[in-house]
């Protein structure tokens, strides 16, 4: 399969919306490190980091996590946008 690369700028309002969905204290408490089918990219990964914070989670595609549900929905919309040919 050919490699497809897509990119676009994220507007300030879109980025603010993403940041508003993240509560770092709640995210830091999540301990999802599954490897359902991690070798082929079927798991979902979320990594949040800045200068003083770094935490990542990995979970099976489609799993809805209550504390980050709004963030997951927003990221799913972006993923759908970038998966269109």
PDB file of N, CA and C in Angstrom:
ATOM      1  N   UNK A   1       0.835  -1.192   0.000  1.00  0.00           N
ATOM      2  CA  UNK A   1       0.000   0.000   0.000  1.00  0.00           C
ATOM      3  C   UNK A   1       0.873   1.247   0.000  1.00  0.00           C
ATOM      4  N   UNK A   2       0.463   2.258  -0.726  1.00  0.00           N
ATOM      5  CA  UNK A   2       1.252   3.488  -0.736  1.00  0.00           C
ATOM      6  C   UNK A   2       1.112   4.240   0.588  1.00  0.00           C
ATOM      7  N   UNK A   3       2.149   4.952   0.936  1.00  0.00           N
ATOM      8  CA  UNK A   3       2.133   5.772   2.139  1.00  0.00           C
ATOM      9  C   UNK A   3       1.395   7.063   1.823  1.00  0.00           C
ATOM     10  N   UNK A   4       0.419   7.397   2.641  1.00  0.00           N
ATOM     11  CA  UNK A   4      -0.356   8.624   2.449  1.00  0.00           C
ATOM     12  C   UNK A   4      -0.057   9.546   3.617  1.00  0.00           C
ATOM     13  N   UNK A   5       0.351  10.749   3.294  1.00  0.00           N
ATOM     14  CA  UNK A   5       0.638  11.731   4.343  1.00  0.00           C
ATOM     15  C   UNK A   5      -0.332  12.895   4.211  1.00  0.00           C
ATOM     16  N   UNK A   6      -0.907  13.268   5.321  1.00  0.00           N
ATOM     17  CA  UNK A   6      -1.815  14.409   5.346  1.00  0.00           C
ATOM     18  C   UNK A   6      -1.430  15.290   6.513  1.00  0.00           C
ATOM     19  N   UNK A   7      -1.583  16.554   6.329  1.00  0.00           N
ATOM     20  CA  UNK A   7      -1.337  17.479   7.435  1.00  0.00           C
ATOM     21  C   UNK A   7      -2.194  18.719   7.222  1.00  0.00           C
ATOM     22  N   UNK A   8      -2.416  19.414   8.291  1.00  0.00           N
ATOM     23  CA  UNK A   8      -3.096  20.706   8.244  1.00  0.00           C
ATOM     24  C   UNK A   8      -2.821  21.423   9.553  1.00  0.00           C
ATOM     25  N   UNK A   9      -2.934  22.693   9.521  1.00  0.00           N
ATOM     26  CA  UNK A   9      -2.739  23.481  10.739  1.00  0.00           C
ATOM     27  C   UNK A   9      -3.950  23.305  11.647  1.00  0.00           C
ATOM     28  N   UNK A  10      -3.696  23.329  12.929  1.00  0.00           N
ATOM     29  CA  UNK A  10      -4.765  23.285  13.923  1.00  0.00           C
ATOM     30  C   UNK A  10      -5.007  24.718  14.362  1.00  0.00           C
ATOM     31  N   UNK A  11      -6.254  25.145  14.254  1.00  0.00           N
ATOM     32  CA  UNK A  11      -6.578  26.517  14.645  1.00  0.00           C
ATOM     33  C   UNK A  11      -6.440  26.673  16.159  1.00  0.00           C
ATOM     34  N   UNK A  12      -6.284  27.894  16.571  1.00  0.00           N
ATOM     35  CA  UNK A  12      -6.163  28.161  18.007  1.00  0.00           C
ATOM     36  C   UNK A  12      -7.424  27.725  18.754  1.00  0.00           C
ATOM     37  N   UNK A  13      -8.589  27.959  18.178  1.00  0.00           N
ATOM     38  CA  UNK A  13      -9.835  27.574  18.854  1.00  0.00           C
ATOM     39  C   UNK A  13      -9.975  26.043  18.915  1.00  0.00           C
ATOM     40  N   UNK A  14      -9.533  25.351  17.856  1.00  0.00           N
ATOM     41  CA  UNK A  14      -9.592  23.888  17.867  1.00  0.00           C
ATOM     42  C   UNK A  14      -8.648  23.331  18.940  1.00  0.00           C
ATOM     43  N   UNK A  15      -7.441  23.876  19.021  1.00  0.00           N
ATOM     44  CA  UNK A  15      -6.475  23.419  20.022  1.00  0.00           C
ATOM     45  C   UNK A  15      -6.988  23.705  21.429  1.00  0.00           C
ATOM     46  N   UNK A  16      -7.578  24.866  21.633  1.00  0.00           N
ATOM     47  CA  UNK A  16      -8.148  25.209  22.937  1.00  0.00           C
ATOM     48  C   UNK A  16      -9.249  24.224  23.306  1.00  0.00           C
ATOM     49  N   UNK A  17     -10.062  23.841  22.334  1.00  0.00           N
ATOM     50  CA  UNK A  17     -11.118  22.861  22.574  1.00  0.00           C
ATOM     51  C   UNK A  17     -10.552  21.522  23.016  1.00  0.00           C
ATOM     52  N   UNK A  18      -9.471  21.086  22.382  1.00  0.00           N
ATOM     53  CA  UNK A  18      -8.833  19.828  22.770  1.00  0.00           C
ATOM     54  C   UNK A  18      -8.302  19.936  24.190  1.00  0.00           C
ATOM     55  N   UNK A  19      -7.597  21.019  24.480  1.00  0.00           N
ATOM     56  CA  UNK A  19      -7.028  21.195  25.820  1.00  0.00           C
ATOM     57  C   UNK A  19      -8.107  21.261  26.896  1.00  0.00           C
ATOM     58  N   UNK A  20      -9.251  21.841  26.563  1.00  0.00           N
ATOM     59  CA  UNK A  20     -10.343  21.935  27.537  1.00  0.00           C
ATOM     60  C   UNK A  20     -10.939  20.576  27.881  1.00  0.00           C
ATOM     61  N   UNK A  21     -10.744  19.588  27.016  1.00  0.00           N
ATOM     62  CA  UNK A  21     -11.263  18.247  27.270  1.00  0.00           C
ATOM     63  C   UNK A  21     -10.347  17.440  28.191  1.00  0.00           C
ATOM     64  N   UNK A  22      -9.153  17.947  28.464  1.00  0.00           N
ATOM     65  CA  UNK A  22      -8.162  17.197  29.239  1.00  0.00           C
ATOM     66  C   UNK A  22      -8.082  17.732  30.664  1.00  0.00           C
ATOM     67  N   UNK A  23      -8.347  16.861  31.600  1.00  0.00           N
ATOM     68  CA  UNK A  23      -8.122  17.168  33.011  1.00  0.00           C
ATOM     69  C   UNK A  23      -6.916  16.328  33.417  1.00  0.00           C
ATOM     70  N   UNK A  24      -5.744  16.973  33.549  1.00  0.00           N
ATOM     71  CA  UNK A  24      -4.505  16.239  33.756  1.00  0.00           C
ATOM     72  C   UNK A  24      -4.545  15.326  34.979  1.00  0.00           C
ATOM     73  N   UNK A  25      -5.150  15.768  36.067  1.00  0.00           N
ATOM     74  CA  UNK A  25      -5.220  14.922  37.267  1.00  0.00           C
ATOM     75  C   UNK A  25      -5.988  13.635  36.982  1.00  0.00           C
ATOM     76  N   UNK A  26      -7.109  13.752  36.253  1.00  0.00           N
ATOM     77  CA  UNK A  26      -7.889  12.567  35.904  1.00  0.00           C
ATOM     78  C   UNK A  26      -7.121  11.674  34.937  1.00  0.00           C
ATOM     79  N   UNK A  27      -6.497  12.284  33.930  1.00  0.00           N
ATOM     80  CA  UNK A  27      -5.752  11.512  32.937  1.00  0.00           C
ATOM     81  C   UNK A  27      -4.582  10.775  33.580  1.00  0.00           C
ATOM     82  N   UNK A  28      -3.914  11.432  34.505  1.00  0.00           N
ATOM     83  CA  UNK A  28      -2.758  10.836  35.176  1.00  0.00           C
ATOM     84  C   UNK A  28      -3.145   9.594  35.984  1.00  0.00           C
ATOM     85  N   UNK A  29      -4.391   9.520  36.422  1.00  0.00           N
ATOM     86  CA  UNK A  29      -4.861   8.377  37.212  1.00  0.00           C
ATOM     87  C   UNK A  29      -5.207   7.162  36.349  1.00  0.00           C
ATOM     88  N   UNK A  30      -5.321   7.349  35.040  1.00  0.00           N
ATOM     89  CA  UNK A  30      -5.676   6.241  34.154  1.00  0.00           C
ATOM     90  C   UNK A  30      -4.488   5.313  33.963  1.00  0.00           C
ATOM     91  N   UNK A  31      -4.747   4.023  34.055  1.00  0.00           N
ATOM     92  CA  UNK A  31      -3.680   3.041  33.911  1.00  0.00           C
ATOM     93  C   UNK A  31      -4.110   1.985  32.893  1.00  0.00           C
ATOM     94  N   UNK A  32      -4.243   2.410  31.650  1.00  0.00           N
ATOM     95  CA  UNK A  32      -4.588   1.495  30.569  1.00  0.00           C
ATOM     96  C   UNK A  32      -3.325   1.246  29.763  1.00  0.00           C
ATOM     97  N   UNK A  33      -2.852   0.018  29.789  1.00  0.00           N
ATOM     98  CA  UNK A  33      -1.648  -0.340  29.032  1.00  0.00           C
ATOM     99  C   UNK A  33      -1.857  -1.682  28.346  1.00  0.00           C
ATOM    100  N   UNK A  34      -3.005  -1.831  27.734  1.00  0.00           N
ATOM    101  CA  UNK A  34      -3.296  -3.094  27.067  1.00  0.00           C
ATOM    102  C   UNK A  34      -2.479  -3.215  25.793  1.00  0.00           C
ATOM    103  N   UNK A  35      -2.422  -4.406  25.308  1.00  0.00           N
ATOM    104  CA  UNK A  35      -1.758  -4.656  24.030  1.00  0.00           C
ATOM    105  C   UNK A  35      -2.648  -5.626  23.280  1.00  0.00           C
ATOM    106  N   UNK A  36      -3.858  -5.154  22.965  1.00  0.00           N
ATOM    107  CA  UNK A  36      -4.824  -5.997  22.281  1.00  0.00           C
ATOM    108  C   UNK A  36      -4.219  -6.537  20.992  1.00  0.00           C
ATOM    109  N   UNK A  37      -3.847  -5.641  20.123  1.00  0.00           N
ATOM    110  CA  UNK A  37      -3.145  -5.996  18.887  1.00  0.00           C
ATOM    111  C   UNK A  37      -2.176  -4.846  18.614  1.00  0.00           C
ATOM    112  N   UNK A  38      -1.293  -4.583  19.561  1.00  0.00           N
ATOM    113  CA  UNK A  38      -0.471  -3.375  19.488  1.00  0.00           C
ATOM    114  C   UNK A  38       0.584  -3.426  18.396  1.00  0.00           C
ATOM    115  N   UNK A  39       0.945  -4.597  17.921  1.00  0.00           N
ATOM    116  CA  UNK A  39       2.000  -4.665  16.914  1.00  0.00           C
ATOM    117  C   UNK A  39       1.547  -4.182  15.547  1.00  0.00           C
ATOM    118  N   UNK A  40       0.257  -4.149  15.291  1.00  0.00           N
ATOM    119  CA  UNK A  40      -0.189  -3.697  13.971  1.00  0.00           C
ATOM    120  C   UNK A  40      -0.956  -2.380  13.999  1.00  0.00           C
ATOM    121  N   UNK A  41      -0.927  -1.677  15.125  1.00  0.00           N
ATOM    122  CA  UNK A  41      -1.533  -0.354  15.181  1.00  0.00           C
ATOM    123  C   UNK A  41      -3.014  -0.325  15.461  1.00  0.00           C
ATOM    124  N   UNK A  42      -3.604  -1.427  15.895  1.00  0.00           N
ATOM    125  CA  UNK A  42      -5.037  -1.445  16.159  1.00  0.00           C
ATOM    126  C   UNK A  42      -5.411  -0.863  17.516  1.00  0.00           C
ATOM    127  N   UNK A  43      -4.456  -0.790  18.420  1.00  0.00           N
ATOM    128  CA  UNK A  43      -4.744  -0.167  19.707  1.00  0.00           C
ATOM    129  C   UNK A  43      -4.717   1.352  19.553  1.00  0.00           C
ATOM    130  N   UNK A  44      -5.424   2.023  20.447  1.00  0.00           N
ATOM    131  CA  UNK A  44      -5.389   3.478  20.481  1.00  0.00           C
ATOM    132  C   UNK A  44      -4.395   3.894  21.554  1.00  0.00           C
ATOM    133  N   UNK A  45      -3.621   4.907  21.251  1.00  0.00           N
ATOM    134  CA  UNK A  45      -2.626   5.452  22.175  1.00  0.00           C
ATOM    135  C   UNK A  45      -2.929   6.927  22.363  1.00  0.00           C
ATOM    136  N   UNK A  46      -2.839   7.380  23.600  1.00  0.00           N
ATOM    137  CA  UNK A  46      -2.916   8.815  23.885  1.00  0.00           C
ATOM    138  C   UNK A  46      -1.736   9.146  24.787  1.00  0.00           C
ATOM    139  N   UNK A  47      -0.941  10.077  24.354  1.00  0.00           N
ATOM    140  CA  UNK A  47       0.200  10.569  25.130  1.00  0.00           C
ATOM    141  C   UNK A  47       0.010  12.061  25.324  1.00  0.00           C
ATOM    142  N   UNK A  48       0.077  12.486  26.559  1.00  0.00           N
ATOM    143  CA  UNK A  48       0.019  13.917  26.880  1.00  0.00           C
ATOM    144  C   UNK A  48       1.304  14.254  27.605  1.00  0.00           C
ATOM    145  N   UNK A  49       1.986  15.256  27.093  1.00  0.00           N
ATOM    146  CA  UNK A  49       3.211  15.678  27.776  1.00  0.00           C
ATOM    147  C   UNK A  49       3.453  17.160  27.539  1.00  0.00           C
ATOM    148  N   UNK A  50       4.071  17.741  28.525  1.00  0.00           N
ATOM    149  CA  UNK A  50       4.604  19.093  28.411  1.00  0.00           C
ATOM    150  C   UNK A  50       5.893  19.108  29.223  1.00  0.00           C
ATOM    151  N   UNK A  51       6.339  20.251  29.618  1.00  0.00           N
ATOM    152  CA  UNK A  51       7.617  20.345  30.313  1.00  0.00           C
ATOM    153  C   UNK A  51       7.644  19.617  31.652  1.00  0.00           C
ATOM    154  N   UNK A  52       6.512  19.576  32.342  1.00  0.00           N
ATOM    155  CA  UNK A  52       6.464  19.014  33.693  1.00  0.00           C
ATOM    156  C   UNK A  52       5.616  17.753  33.824  1.00  0.00           C
ATOM    157  N   UNK A  53       5.052  17.275  32.734  1.00  0.00           N
ATOM    158  CA  UNK A  53       4.093  16.182  32.820  1.00  0.00           C
ATOM    159  C   UNK A  53       4.246  15.279  31.607  1.00  0.00           C
ATOM    160  N   UNK A  54       4.154  13.978  31.850  1.00  0.00           N
ATOM    161  CA  UNK A  54       4.135  13.016  30.748  1.00  0.00           C
ATOM    162  C   UNK A  54       3.403  11.765  31.220  1.00  0.00           C
ATOM    163  N   UNK A  55       2.365  11.401  30.477  1.00  0.00           N
ATOM    164  CA  UNK A  55       1.615  10.183  30.798  1.00  0.00           C
ATOM    165  C   UNK A  55       0.973   9.682  29.515  1.00  0.00           C
ATOM    166  N   UNK A  56       0.991   8.356  29.349  1.00  0.00           N
ATOM    167  CA  UNK A  56       0.362   7.783  28.165  1.00  0.00           C
ATOM    168  C   UNK A  56      -0.514   6.607  28.565  1.00  0.00           C
ATOM    169  N   UNK A  57      -1.509   6.363  27.731  1.00  0.00           N
ATOM    170  CA  UNK A  57      -2.358   5.194  27.910  1.00  0.00           C
ATOM    171  C   UNK A  57      -2.491   4.499  26.554  1.00  0.00           C
ATOM    172  N   UNK A  58      -2.764   3.195  26.603  1.00  0.00           N
ATOM    173  CA  UNK A  58      -2.938   2.393  25.395  1.00  0.00           C
ATOM    174  C   UNK A  58      -4.087   1.432  25.676  1.00  0.00           C
ATOM    175  N   UNK A  59      -5.046   1.375  24.736  1.00  0.00           N
ATOM    176  CA  UNK A  59      -6.236   0.569  24.977  1.00  0.00           C
ATOM    177  C   UNK A  59      -6.800   0.081  23.644  1.00  0.00           C
ATOM    178  N   UNK A  60      -7.647  -0.930  23.721  1.00  0.00           N
ATOM    179  CA  UNK A  60      -8.262  -1.501  22.534  1.00  0.00           C
ATOM    180  C   UNK A  60      -9.158  -0.498  21.833  1.00  0.00           C
ATOM    181  N   UNK A  61      -9.104  -0.507  20.521  1.00  0.00           N
ATOM    182  CA  UNK A  61      -9.893   0.426  19.708  1.00  0.00           C
ATOM    183  C   UNK A  61     -11.371   0.319  20.069  1.00  0.00           C
ATOM    184  N   UNK A  62     -11.993   1.468  20.268  1.00  0.00           N
ATOM    185  CA  UNK A  62     -13.416   1.515  20.563  1.00  0.00           C
ATOM    186  C   UNK A  62     -13.767   1.533  22.043  1.00  0.00           C
ATOM    187  N   UNK A  63     -12.799   1.244  22.916  1.00  0.00           N
ATOM    188  CA  UNK A  63     -13.080   1.286  24.355  1.00  0.00           C
ATOM    189  C   UNK A  63     -13.365   2.723  24.767  1.00  0.00           C
ATOM    190  N   UNK A  64     -14.505   2.950  25.398  1.00  0.00           N
ATOM    191  CA  UNK A  64     -14.848   4.284  25.877  1.00  0.00           C
ATOM    192  C   UNK A  64     -14.496   4.393  27.357  1.00  0.00           C
ATOM    193  N   UNK A  65     -13.719   5.402  27.686  1.00  0.00           N
ATOM    194  CA  UNK A  65     -13.263   5.629  29.063  1.00  0.00           C
ATOM    195  C   UNK A  65     -13.999   6.862  29.576  1.00  0.00           C
ATOM    196  N   UNK A  66     -14.783   6.686  30.614  1.00  0.00           N
ATOM    197  CA  UNK A  66     -15.666   7.749  31.096  1.00  0.00           C
ATOM    198  C   UNK A  66     -14.959   9.081  31.325  1.00  0.00           C
ATOM    199  N   UNK A  67     -13.815   9.062  31.993  1.00  0.00           N
ATOM    200  CA  UNK A  67     -13.174  10.320  32.379  1.00  0.00           C
ATOM    201  C   UNK A  67     -12.572  11.087  31.207  1.00  0.00           C
ATOM    202  N   UNK A  68     -12.378  10.424  30.062  1.00  0.00           N
ATOM    203  CA  UNK A  68     -11.825  11.128  28.892  1.00  0.00           C
ATOM    204  C   UNK A  68     -12.708  10.939  27.669  1.00  0.00           C
ATOM    205  N   UNK A  69     -13.982  10.644  27.875  1.00  0.00           N
ATOM    206  CA  UNK A  69     -14.891  10.369  26.775  1.00  0.00           C
ATOM    207  C   UNK A  69     -14.981  11.527  25.784  1.00  0.00           C
ATOM    208  N   UNK A  70     -15.062  12.743  26.282  1.00  0.00           N
ATOM    209  CA  UNK A  70     -15.155  13.906  25.389  1.00  0.00           C
ATOM    210  C   UNK A  70     -13.880  14.059  24.561  1.00  0.00           C
ATOM    211  N   UNK A  71     -12.735  13.832  25.180  1.00  0.00           N
ATOM    212  CA  UNK A  71     -11.471  13.886  24.457  1.00  0.00           C
ATOM    213  C   UNK A  71     -11.435  12.789  23.397  1.00  0.00           C
ATOM    214  N   UNK A  72     -11.841  11.584  23.750  1.00  0.00           N
ATOM    215  CA  UNK A  72     -11.865  10.483  22.787  1.00  0.00           C
ATOM    216  C   UNK A  72     -12.750  10.818  21.585  1.00  0.00           C
ATOM    217  N   UNK A  73     -13.903  11.411  21.839  1.00  0.00           N
ATOM    218  CA  UNK A  73     -14.812  11.778  20.747  1.00  0.00           C
ATOM    219  C   UNK A  73     -14.179  12.824  19.830  1.00  0.00           C
ATOM    220  N   UNK A  74     -13.535  13.805  20.417  1.00  0.00           N
ATOM    221  CA  UNK A  74     -12.891  14.852  19.626  1.00  0.00           C
ATOM    222  C   UNK A  74     -11.751  14.259  18.783  1.00  0.00           C
ATOM    223  N   UNK A  75     -10.962  13.372  19.380  1.00  0.00           N
ATOM    224  CA  UNK A  75      -9.861  12.742  18.647  1.00  0.00           C
ATOM    225  C   UNK A  75     -10.389  11.813  17.551  1.00  0.00           C
ATOM    226  N   UNK A  76     -11.522  11.152  17.799  1.00  0.00           N
ATOM    227  CA  UNK A  76     -12.121  10.278  16.784  1.00  0.00           C
ATOM    228  C   UNK A  76     -12.546  11.086  15.560  1.00  0.00           C
ATOM    229  N   UNK A  77     -13.060  12.286  15.775  1.00  0.00           N
ATOM    230  CA  UNK A  77     -13.432  13.150  14.644  1.00  0.00           C
ATOM    231  C   UNK A  77     -12.207  13.534  13.832  1.00  0.00           C
ATOM    232  N   UNK A  78     -11.108  13.845  14.509  1.00  0.00           N
ATOM    233  CA  UNK A  78      -9.876  14.172  13.786  1.00  0.00           C
ATOM    234  C   UNK A  78      -9.349  12.952  13.031  1.00  0.00           C
ATOM    235  N   UNK A  79      -9.400  11.807  13.660  1.00  0.00           N
ATOM    236  CA  UNK A  79      -8.938  10.579  13.007  1.00  0.00           C
ATOM    237  C   UNK A  79      -9.773  10.299  11.759  1.00  0.00           C
ATOM    238  N   UNK A  80     -11.085  10.499  11.848  1.00  0.00           N
ATOM    239  CA  UNK A  80     -11.971  10.275  10.699  1.00  0.00           C
ATOM    240  C   UNK A  80     -11.616  11.237   9.563  1.00  0.00           C
ATOM    241  N   UNK A  81     -11.349  12.479   9.922  1.00  0.00           N
ATOM    242  CA  UNK A  81     -10.971  13.469   8.916  1.00  0.00           C
ATOM    243  C   UNK A  81      -9.709  13.038   8.175  1.00  0.00           C
ATOM    244  N   UNK A  82      -8.718  12.549   8.894  1.00  0.00           N
ATOM    245  CA  UNK A  82      -7.455  12.182   8.279  1.00  0.00           C
ATOM    246  C   UNK A  82      -7.487  10.806   7.612  1.00  0.00           C
ATOM    247  N   UNK A  83      -8.520  10.018   7.887  1.00  0.00           N
ATOM    248  CA  UNK A  83      -8.583   8.709   7.246  1.00  0.00           C
ATOM    249  C   UNK A  83      -9.306   8.759   5.906  1.00  0.00           C
ATOM    250  N   UNK A  84      -9.942   9.892   5.595  1.00  0.00           N
ATOM    251  CA  UNK A  84     -10.613  10.047   4.303  1.00  0.00           C
ATOM    252  C   UNK A  84      -9.557  10.137   3.210  1.00  0.00           C
ATOM    253  N   UNK A  85      -9.841   9.506   2.115  1.00  0.00           N
ATOM    254  CA  UNK A  85      -8.899   9.535   0.984  1.00  0.00           C
ATOM    255  C   UNK A  85      -9.144  10.721   0.099  1.00  0.00           C
TER     256      UNK A  85
END
